[in-house]
């Protein structure tokens, strides 16, 4: 297969990955709302370990380390997004409280 065809394959895969990543981030924002409403911590090391264990067990043996790294980064981004979402929610609550006064 030519390098151009391989690159086109990667481009198509990247499009799919992007859409899936954005869906995951949307879900992460909904989880942030839940965590805020139920006074839950954003970090959940038990859950993260479970995810990484599942990734390790489900991975092609040639890509275990890379898959673990990928999901570690995804979880880092997800937690960061949740922090930002909760901060934004709290800022909106604060503004509304100030407007009532």
Protein backbone atom coordinates (compact mmCIF):
# COMPACT_ATOMS: atom_id res chain seq x y z
CA UNK A 1 0.00 0.00 0.00
CA UNK A 2 1.29 3.48 -0.82
CA UNK A 3 2.08 6.05 1.84
CA UNK A 4 -0.72 8.26 0.50
CA UNK A 5 -3.29 5.50 0.97
CA UNK A 6 -1.96 4.80 4.46
CA UNK A 7 -2.23 8.48 5.33
CA UNK A 8 -5.80 8.61 3.99
CA UNK A 9 -6.62 5.63 6.20
CA UNK A 10 -5.17 7.46 9.19
CA UNK A 11 -7.15 10.59 8.29
CA UNK A 12 -10.40 8.58 8.25
CA UNK A 13 -9.54 6.95 11.55
CA UNK A 14 -8.69 10.36 13.04
CA UNK A 15 -12.12 11.68 12.04
CA UNK A 16 -13.78 8.80 13.87
CA UNK A 17 -11.51 9.20 16.89
CA UNK A 18 -12.28 12.90 17.08
CA UNK A 19 -16.03 12.33 17.08
CA UNK A 20 -15.74 9.61 19.72
CA UNK A 21 -13.45 11.75 21.85
CA UNK A 22 -15.92 14.63 21.73
CA UNK A 23 -18.76 12.28 22.74
CA UNK A 24 -16.63 11.10 25.64
CA UNK A 25 -15.97 14.69 26.70
CA UNK A 26 -19.69 15.49 26.54
CA UNK A 27 -20.33 12.57 28.88
CA UNK A 28 -17.52 13.76 31.11
CA UNK A 29 -19.21 17.16 31.41
CA UNK A 30 -22.46 15.47 32.42
CA UNK A 31 -20.55 13.48 35.02
CA UNK A 32 -19.12 16.76 36.33
CA UNK A 33 -22.66 18.05 36.85
CA UNK A 34 -23.56 14.87 38.72
CA UNK A 35 -20.43 15.04 40.87
CA UNK A 36 -21.09 18.68 41.74
CA UNK A 37 -24.73 18.00 42.63
CA UNK A 38 -23.83 14.98 44.76
CA UNK A 39 -20.66 16.45 46.31
CA UNK A 40 -18.41 13.81 44.76
CA UNK A 41 -14.68 14.20 44.13
CA UNK A 42 -13.56 14.53 40.55
CA UNK A 43 -10.64 12.20 41.13
CA UNK A 44 -11.61 8.57 41.55
CA UNK A 45 -8.44 6.52 41.63
CA UNK A 46 -10.34 3.25 42.00
CA UNK A 47 -12.26 3.95 38.79
CA UNK A 48 -9.09 5.02 36.97
CA UNK A 49 -7.30 1.83 37.98
CA UNK A 50 -10.27 -0.23 36.80
CA UNK A 51 -10.23 1.52 33.42
CA UNK A 52 -6.49 1.04 32.96
CA UNK A 53 -6.75 -2.62 33.97
CA UNK A 54 -9.51 -3.11 31.40
CA UNK A 55 -7.43 -1.32 28.76
CA UNK A 56 -4.43 -3.50 29.56
CA UNK A 57 -6.47 -6.70 29.39
CA UNK A 58 -8.24 -5.69 26.17
CA UNK A 59 -5.19 -4.38 24.32
CA UNK A 60 -3.30 -5.95 21.50
CA UNK A 61 -0.07 -7.11 23.14
CA UNK A 62 1.95 -4.95 20.73
CA UNK A 63 0.30 -1.75 21.99
CA UNK A 64 -0.35 -2.24 25.71
CA UNK A 65 1.95 0.56 26.88
CA UNK A 66 0.68 2.96 24.23
CA UNK A 67 -2.95 2.21 25.04
CA UNK A 68 -2.37 2.70 28.75
CA UNK A 69 -0.66 6.02 28.02
CA UNK A 70 -3.49 7.08 25.70
CA UNK A 71 -6.18 6.35 28.28
CA UNK A 72 -4.15 7.96 31.06
CA UNK A 73 -4.00 11.15 29.00
CA UNK A 74 -7.70 10.92 28.12
CA UNK A 75 -8.57 10.60 31.81
CA UNK A 76 -6.32 13.55 32.64
CA UNK A 77 -8.07 15.68 30.01
CA UNK A 78 -11.45 14.48 31.23
CA UNK A 79 -10.70 15.44 34.83
CA UNK A 80 -9.41 18.82 33.70
CA UNK A 81 -12.63 19.41 31.75
CA UNK A 82 -14.67 18.41 34.80
CA UNK A 83 -12.79 20.90 36.97
CA UNK A 84 -13.42 23.63 34.39
CA UNK A 85 -17.12 22.71 34.15
CA UNK A 86 -17.61 22.78 37.91
CA UNK A 87 -15.73 26.08 38.19
CA UNK A 88 -17.96 27.54 35.48
CA UNK A 89 -21.08 26.24 37.23
CA UNK A 90 -19.95 27.73 40.53
CA UNK A 91 -19.17 31.07 38.90
CA UNK A 92 -22.68 31.18 37.43
CA UNK A 93 -24.19 30.34 40.84
CA UNK A 94 -22.13 33.08 42.46
CA UNK A 95 -23.21 35.65 39.86
CA UNK A 96 -26.88 34.73 40.33
CA UNK A 97 -26.54 35.07 44.11
CA UNK A 98 -24.93 38.49 43.72
CA UNK A 99 -27.67 39.61 41.33
CA UNK A 100 -30.36 38.72 43.89
CA UNK A 101 -28.82 41.07 46.45
